[in-house]
Amino acid sequence: MDIVLAGGSGFIGRRLIPVLRAAGHDVRALSRHPEPDLADDVPGWGSLRHVAGDVADADTLGEPFAHADILIYLVHSLGEDDFERRDAEAAWATALAAKEAGISRIVYLGGLGDDNMAHLSAHMRSRREVEGLLGAAGIPVTVLRAGIIVGNGSISWEITRQLVCNLPVLPAPAWVSTRSQPIAVEDVVAYLAGVVEEPATSGMTYEIGGPEVLTYREMLRQAAQVMGRHPRPLFTVPFLTPWLSGKGLRFVTDVDPDVGAALVESMGNEVVVQDDSITRLLPRPLLTFAEAARRALDEREAEQRDAEQRDAEWRDSDPQPQPA
């Protein structure tokens, strides 16, 4: 199949592209500013076709969408002051352009949560709105709804990792007791690739999660164990609202404070799979939270070693000034 992927350079997209190409699909990566040279640095990206287009401007999408069978949409504007408006406008522009180009299906990664929009955080409400707008032009949309995705490069995981690393004691807002169903990035990618292969998923919505339902408190404790650190004492501080605790991340992590605040606000919403039908449609052994955390740490350590080796090679190759 001919697939256009919007958001290919992101946390999910850069992992999904090699899987789709290995399955024999023709993949084009859509970007406002294509960077073909990036393919040399990402395994499985060699000779990847990059196409220029802006999801917020339907007029730029005609050529990149031409002859495509499926659009995979992994775009969001989280971190921008008006991300809800931006994401809504981009989803509608994309839907119109996809309809005009004759694309037969859109695949979208959304968010788990209550169907009552009034109960959702701004971040989760935006994800749900994008679902509707992508399908508003009449193209069937396959939606995968996920909660916390665990993997190297995930902002949610990075918040967890840095909290465990940087704080000897964790002040815990009341929402640390909120239940979640974290899922490994490898499993998310497998499900995305799986629904692409399965025509029966057209127009369907699926909830995806890992094999465990955990509170945020339990995730922090398991992360500490995987990292070989003593479990951090947690004490509940009821007045630490999600917004305040999100803004406080700037003092203990290097995560963008606006992105962090939006994600932490969502932690007040329970995100647990209610319909696990995808596990029968696309059966696979799912990684536990601890297994996913270990893989994320191993990948991060490998990246650090590679970066150190490149720096050493650069220093060795850099000609030193000769004494006068």
Protein backbone atom coordinates (compact mmCIF):
# COMPACT_ATOMS: atom_id res chain seq x y z
CA MET A 1 0.00 0.00 0.00
CA ASP A 2 0.99 3.61 -0.54
CA ILE A 3 1.07 5.30 2.87
CA VAL A 4 1.56 8.95 3.79
CA LEU A 5 2.67 9.45 7.39
CA ALA A 6 2.21 12.84 9.04
CA GLY A 7 4.40 13.14 12.12
CA GLY A 8 7.08 10.69 11.01
CA SER A 9 9.92 12.32 12.92
CA GLY A 10 8.13 12.09 16.26
CA PHE A 11 8.39 9.56 19.09
CA ILE A 12 5.97 7.08 17.47
CA GLY A 13 6.51 7.88 13.80
CA ARG A 14 10.25 7.29 13.69
CA ARG A 15 9.66 3.78 15.05
CA LEU A 16 6.65 3.02 12.86
CA ILE A 17 8.22 3.89 9.51
CA PRO A 18 10.81 1.04 9.49
CA VAL A 19 8.11 -1.47 10.50
CA LEU A 20 5.82 -0.38 7.65
CA ARG A 21 8.65 -0.44 5.13
CA ALA A 22 9.77 -3.88 6.28
CA ALA A 23 6.21 -5.08 5.61
CA GLY A 24 6.56 -3.93 2.00
CA HIS A 25 4.58 -0.69 2.12
CA ASP A 26 5.59 2.40 0.16
CA VAL A 27 5.91 5.10 2.83
CA ARG A 28 6.19 8.86 2.39
CA ALA A 29 7.02 11.08 5.35
CA LEU A 30 5.14 14.38 5.33
CA SER A 31 6.79 17.47 6.80
CA ARG A 32 6.63 21.22 6.40
CA HIS A 33 10.40 21.19 6.02
CA PRO A 34 11.54 17.79 4.73
CA GLU A 35 14.96 16.67 5.89
CA PRO A 36 16.02 13.74 3.68
CA ASP A 37 19.46 13.64 5.34
CA LEU A 38 17.74 12.52 8.55
CA ALA A 39 17.19 9.12 6.92
CA ASP A 40 20.90 8.37 7.27
CA ASP A 41 20.65 8.54 11.07
CA VAL A 42 17.50 6.46 11.66
CA PRO A 43 17.59 2.68 11.20
CA GLY A 44 15.16 1.58 8.50
CA TRP A 45 14.85 5.08 7.04
CA GLY A 46 17.42 4.76 4.24
CA SER A 47 15.98 5.97 0.89
CA LEU A 48 12.77 7.07 2.66
CA ARG A 49 10.76 9.48 0.52
CA HIS A 50 10.14 12.85 2.15
CA VAL A 51 7.37 15.13 0.88
CA ALA A 52 6.64 18.75 1.74
CA GLY A 53 3.25 19.75 3.11
CA ASP A 54 1.60 21.51 6.04
CA VAL A 55 -1.32 19.70 7.69
CA ALA A 56 -2.78 23.10 8.60
CA ASP A 57 -2.88 24.19 4.94
CA ALA A 58 -4.98 21.98 2.65
CA ASP A 59 -3.56 23.71 -0.43
CA THR A 60 -0.11 22.23 0.27
CA LEU A 61 -1.33 18.64 0.61
CA GLY A 62 -2.61 17.81 -2.87
CA GLU A 63 0.67 16.57 -4.29
CA PRO A 64 1.93 14.65 -1.21
CA PHE A 65 -1.48 12.95 -0.81
CA ALA A 66 -1.80 12.03 -4.50
CA HIS A 67 -2.17 8.26 -5.13
CA ALA A 68 -1.96 7.46 -1.39
CA ASP A 69 -4.15 4.68 -0.03
CA ILE A 70 -3.80 5.42 3.69
CA LEU A 71 -2.89 8.48 5.76
CA ILE A 72 -1.43 7.85 9.22
CA TYR A 73 -1.91 10.96 11.33
CA LEU A 74 0.42 11.38 14.32
CA VAL A 75 0.42 15.18 14.57
CA HIS A 76 -0.31 17.36 17.59
CA SER A 77 0.59 20.86 18.76
CA LEU A 78 0.92 20.15 22.48
CA GLY A 79 2.98 22.85 24.15
CA GLU A 80 1.55 25.71 22.09
CA ASP A 81 -0.65 28.17 23.98
CA ASP A 82 -3.56 27.53 21.62
CA PHE A 83 -2.87 23.87 20.82
CA GLU A 84 -6.58 22.93 20.85
CA ARG A 85 -7.39 25.42 18.09
CA ARG A 86 -4.28 24.53 16.09
CA ASP A 87 -4.96 20.82 16.25
CA ALA A 88 -8.61 21.25 15.29
CA GLU A 89 -7.78 23.43 12.28
CA ALA A 90 -5.05 21.06 11.13
CA ALA A 91 -7.30 18.00 11.43
CA TRP A 92 -10.07 19.63 9.39
CA ALA A 93 -7.67 20.88 6.68
CA THR A 94 -6.10 17.43 6.47
CA ALA A 95 -9.47 15.69 6.23
CA LEU A 96 -10.54 17.93 3.34
CA ALA A 97 -7.28 17.39 1.45
CA ALA A 98 -7.40 13.62 2.03
CA LYS A 99 -10.98 13.50 0.69
CA GLU A 100 -9.98 15.49 -2.39
CA ALA A 101 -7.00 13.20 -3.02
CA GLY A 102 -9.10 10.04 -2.80
CA ILE A 103 -7.40 8.60 0.28
CA SER A 104 -9.46 5.62 1.40
CA ARG A 105 -8.62 5.52 5.11
CA ILE A 106 -7.03 7.53 7.91
CA VAL A 107 -5.31 5.91 10.91
CA TYR A 108 -5.06 8.06 14.04
CA LEU A 109 -3.47 7.56 17.46
CA GLY A 110 -5.72 9.22 20.02
CA GLY A 111 -6.10 9.13 23.78
CA LEU A 112 -7.97 6.94 26.25
CA GLY A 113 -10.46 8.54 28.57
CA ASP A 114 -14.10 9.14 29.45
CA ASP A 115 -16.42 9.71 26.48
CA ASN A 116 -17.94 12.64 28.38
CA MET A 117 -15.88 15.54 26.98
CA ALA A 118 -16.67 17.69 30.02
CA HIS A 119 -14.71 15.28 32.22
CA LEU A 120 -11.55 15.33 30.09
CA SER A 121 -8.43 17.47 30.39
CA ALA A 122 -7.71 19.96 27.59
CA HIS A 123 -5.11 17.62 26.11
CA MET A 124 -7.42 14.61 26.05
CA ARG A 125 -10.38 16.69 24.90
CA SER A 126 -8.31 17.91 21.95
CA ARG A 127 -7.37 14.35 20.97
CA ARG A 128 -11.04 13.37 20.98
CA GLU A 129 -12.02 16.42 18.91
CA VAL A 130 -9.34 15.59 16.32
CA GLU A 131 -10.83 12.10 15.97
CA GLY A 132 -14.15 13.58 14.94
CA LEU A 133 -12.71 16.19 12.60
CA LEU A 134 -10.53 13.71 10.72
CA GLY A 135 -13.66 11.75 9.86
CA ALA A 136 -15.90 14.74 9.24
CA ALA A 137 -15.17 14.82 5.48
CA GLY A 138 -16.45 11.26 5.10
CA ILE A 139 -13.24 9.19 5.10
CA PRO A 140 -13.31 6.17 7.43
CA VAL A 141 -10.94 6.67 10.37
CA THR A 142 -9.31 3.87 12.34
CA VAL A 143 -8.63 5.18 15.84
CA LEU A 144 -6.33 3.66 18.42
CA ARG A 145 -6.79 5.20 21.87
CA ALA A 146 -3.84 4.87 24.25
CA GLY A 147 -2.98 6.20 27.69
CA ILE A 148 0.61 6.51 28.89
CA ILE A 149 3.09 5.23 26.32
CA VAL A 150 6.37 4.01 27.80
CA GLY A 151 9.53 4.31 25.74
CA ASN A 152 12.68 6.34 25.28
CA GLY A 153 11.56 9.74 24.01
CA SER A 154 8.09 9.61 25.54
CA ILE A 155 7.47 12.78 27.54
CA SER A 156 5.31 10.90 30.04
CA TRP A 157 8.07 8.36 30.61
CA GLU A 158 10.73 11.08 30.78
CA ILE A 159 8.77 12.86 33.52
CA THR A 160 8.62 9.61 35.47
CA ARG A 161 12.32 8.84 34.97
CA GLN A 162 13.51 12.29 35.98
CA LEU A 163 11.24 12.49 39.02
CA VAL A 164 12.75 9.23 40.28
CA CYS A 165 16.29 10.42 39.47
CA ASN A 166 16.08 13.94 40.85
CA LEU A 167 13.89 13.84 43.94
CA PRO A 168 14.83 11.96 47.14
CA VAL A 169 11.24 12.36 48.34
CA LEU A 170 8.24 12.66 46.03
CA PRO A 171 5.46 15.07 47.04
CA ALA A 172 2.44 13.26 45.65
CA PRO A 173 -0.76 15.03 44.61
CA ALA A 174 -3.98 13.13 45.13
CA TRP A 175 -3.98 12.06 41.46
CA VAL A 176 -1.10 9.60 42.08
CA SER A 177 -3.89 7.20 43.00
CA THR A 178 -5.49 7.55 39.56
CA ARG A 179 -5.46 4.30 37.62
CA SER A 180 -3.82 3.99 34.22
CA GLN A 181 -2.98 1.21 31.77
CA PRO A 182 0.47 2.08 30.42
CA ILE A 183 1.58 0.49 27.16
CA ALA A 184 5.05 -0.04 25.67
CA VAL A 185 5.86 1.95 22.54
CA GLU A 186 6.75 -1.32 20.79
CA ASP A 187 3.20 -2.55 21.31
CA VAL A 188 1.68 0.73 20.09
CA VAL A 189 3.74 0.53 16.91
CA ALA A 190 2.72 -3.12 16.38
CA TYR A 191 -0.96 -2.24 16.75
CA LEU A 192 -0.66 0.70 14.33
CA ALA A 193 1.06 -1.48 11.74
CA GLY A 194 -1.49 -4.22 12.39
CA VAL A 195 -4.57 -2.10 11.69
CA VAL A 196 -2.97 -0.88 8.46
CA GLU A 197 -2.84 -4.52 7.31
CA GLU A 198 -6.40 -5.31 8.43
CA PRO A 199 -9.14 -3.76 6.23
CA ALA A 200 -11.82 -4.76 8.76
CA THR A 201 -10.52 -2.06 11.13
CA SER A 202 -11.66 0.72 8.77
CA GLY A 203 -13.94 3.13 10.62
CA MET A 204 -13.40 1.37 13.96
CA THR A 205 -12.15 2.67 17.31
CA TYR A 206 -9.97 0.49 19.53
CA GLU A 207 -8.60 0.97 23.03
CA ILE A 208 -5.06 -0.21 23.61
CA GLY A 209 -3.17 -0.73 26.84
CA GLY A 210 -0.55 -2.94 28.43
CA PRO A 211 -1.26 -6.04 30.55
CA GLU A 212 -1.44 -4.15 33.88
CA VAL A 213 -3.63 -1.51 35.44
CA LEU A 214 -1.43 0.61 37.72
CA THR A 215 -1.74 3.80 39.71
CA TYR A 216 0.84 6.53 39.09
CA ARG A 217 2.18 5.76 42.57
CA GLU A 218 2.83 2.16 41.52
CA MET A 219 4.50 3.27 38.29
CA LEU A 220 6.89 5.55 40.18
CA ARG A 221 7.82 2.73 42.55
CA GLN A 222 8.33 0.22 39.74
CA ALA A 223 10.43 2.74 37.80
CA ALA A 224 12.67 3.21 40.85
CA GLN A 225 13.15 -0.55 41.13
CA VAL A 226 14.04 -0.92 37.45
CA MET A 227 16.54 1.93 37.78
CA GLY A 228 18.15 0.27 40.78
CA ARG A 229 17.19 3.01 43.18
CA HIS A 230 15.63 2.74 46.60
CA PRO A 231 11.88 3.29 46.41
CA ARG A 232 11.15 6.99 46.88
CA PRO A 233 8.90 7.88 49.82
CA LEU A 234 5.66 9.43 48.57
CA PHE A 235 3.48 11.63 50.73
CA THR A 236 0.15 12.99 49.55
CA VAL A 237 -0.22 16.76 49.28
CA PRO A 238 -3.89 17.41 48.44
CA PHE A 239 -3.39 21.07 47.49
CA LEU A 240 -0.95 20.19 44.70
CA THR A 241 -3.43 20.38 41.83
CA PRO A 242 -2.47 18.88 38.46
CA TRP A 243 -1.83 22.36 37.05
CA LEU A 244 0.45 23.39 39.92
CA SER A 245 2.34 20.12 39.93
CA GLY A 246 2.75 20.36 36.16
CA LYS A 247 4.27 23.85 36.38
CA GLY A 248 6.52 22.62 39.18
CA LEU A 249 8.12 20.13 36.82
CA ARG A 250 10.36 22.91 35.50
CA PHE A 251 12.30 22.81 38.78
CA VAL A 252 13.03 19.07 38.76
CA THR A 253 12.97 18.03 35.08
CA ASP A 254 14.07 19.49 31.75
CA VAL A 255 10.69 18.71 30.15
CA ASP A 256 9.04 21.70 28.45
CA PRO A 257 6.92 23.16 31.28
CA ASP A 258 3.87 23.82 29.09
CA VAL A 259 3.91 20.31 27.64
CA GLY A 260 4.50 18.85 31.08
CA ALA A 261 1.65 20.85 32.60
CA ALA A 262 -0.77 19.70 29.89
CA LEU A 263 0.20 16.06 30.40
CA VAL A 264 0.09 16.21 34.19
CA GLU A 265 -3.35 17.81 34.01
CA SER A 266 -4.47 14.69 32.16
CA MET A 267 -3.29 12.51 35.03
CA GLY A 268 -6.46 13.37 36.90
CA ASN A 269 -8.37 11.33 34.30
CA GLU A 270 -8.53 7.57 34.69
CA VAL A 271 -7.28 5.93 31.49
CA VAL A 272 -8.12 2.23 31.58
CA VAL A 273 -9.15 0.04 28.64
CA GLN A 274 -12.85 -0.80 28.70
CA ASP A 275 -12.99 -2.62 25.36
CA ASP A 276 -10.08 -4.99 24.69
CA SER A 277 -11.38 -6.34 21.36
CA ILE A 278 -8.12 -5.47 19.61
CA THR A 279 -6.31 -8.11 21.67
CA ARG A 280 -8.36 -10.75 19.86
CA LEU A 281 -8.13 -9.12 16.45
CA LEU A 282 -4.36 -8.62 16.70
CA PRO A 283 -3.15 -10.98 19.46
CA ARG A 284 0.37 -10.43 20.75
CA PRO A 285 2.27 -10.80 24.04
CA LEU A 286 2.30 -7.36 25.67
CA LEU A 287 5.21 -5.92 27.62
CA THR A 288 4.69 -5.11 31.28
CA PHE A 289 5.44 -1.63 32.59
CA ALA A 290 8.72 -2.82 34.14
CA GLU A 291 9.79 -4.51 30.88
CA ALA A 292 8.96 -1.40 28.86
CA ALA A 293 10.81 0.79 31.36
CA ARG A 294 13.91 -1.41 31.13
CA ARG A 295 13.89 -1.20 27.33
CA ALA A 296 13.51 2.58 27.48
CA LEU A 297 16.49 2.87 29.83
CA ASP A 298 18.62 0.53 27.70
CA GLU A 299 17.84 2.53 24.56
CA ARG A 300 18.68 5.79 26.27
CA GLU A 301 22.01 4.40 27.51
CA ALA A 302 22.84 3.14 24.00
CA GLU A 303 22.10 6.57 22.54
CA GLN A 304 24.35 8.20 25.11
CA ARG A 305 27.20 5.79 24.30
CA ASP A 306 26.80 6.45 20.58
CA ALA A 307 26.84 10.20 21.16
CA GLU A 308 29.98 9.95 23.29
CA GLN A 309 31.67 7.83 20.62
CA ARG A 310 30.78 10.34 17.88
CA ASP A 311 32.14 13.18 20.01
CA ALA A 312 35.38 11.25 20.60
CA GLU A 313 35.76 10.50 16.88
CA TRP A 314 35.13 14.15 16.05
CA ARG A 315 37.78 15.29 18.54
CA ASP A 316 40.29 12.76 17.17
CA SER A 317 39.68 13.89 13.59
CA ASP A 318 39.76 17.61 14.36
CA PRO A 319 43.22 18.97 13.39
CA GLN A 320 45.00 20.50 16.35
CA PRO A 321 46.71 23.88 15.95
CA GLN A 322 50.47 23.54 15.45
CA PRO A 323 52.83 25.45 17.73
CA ALA A 324 54.42 28.55 16.13
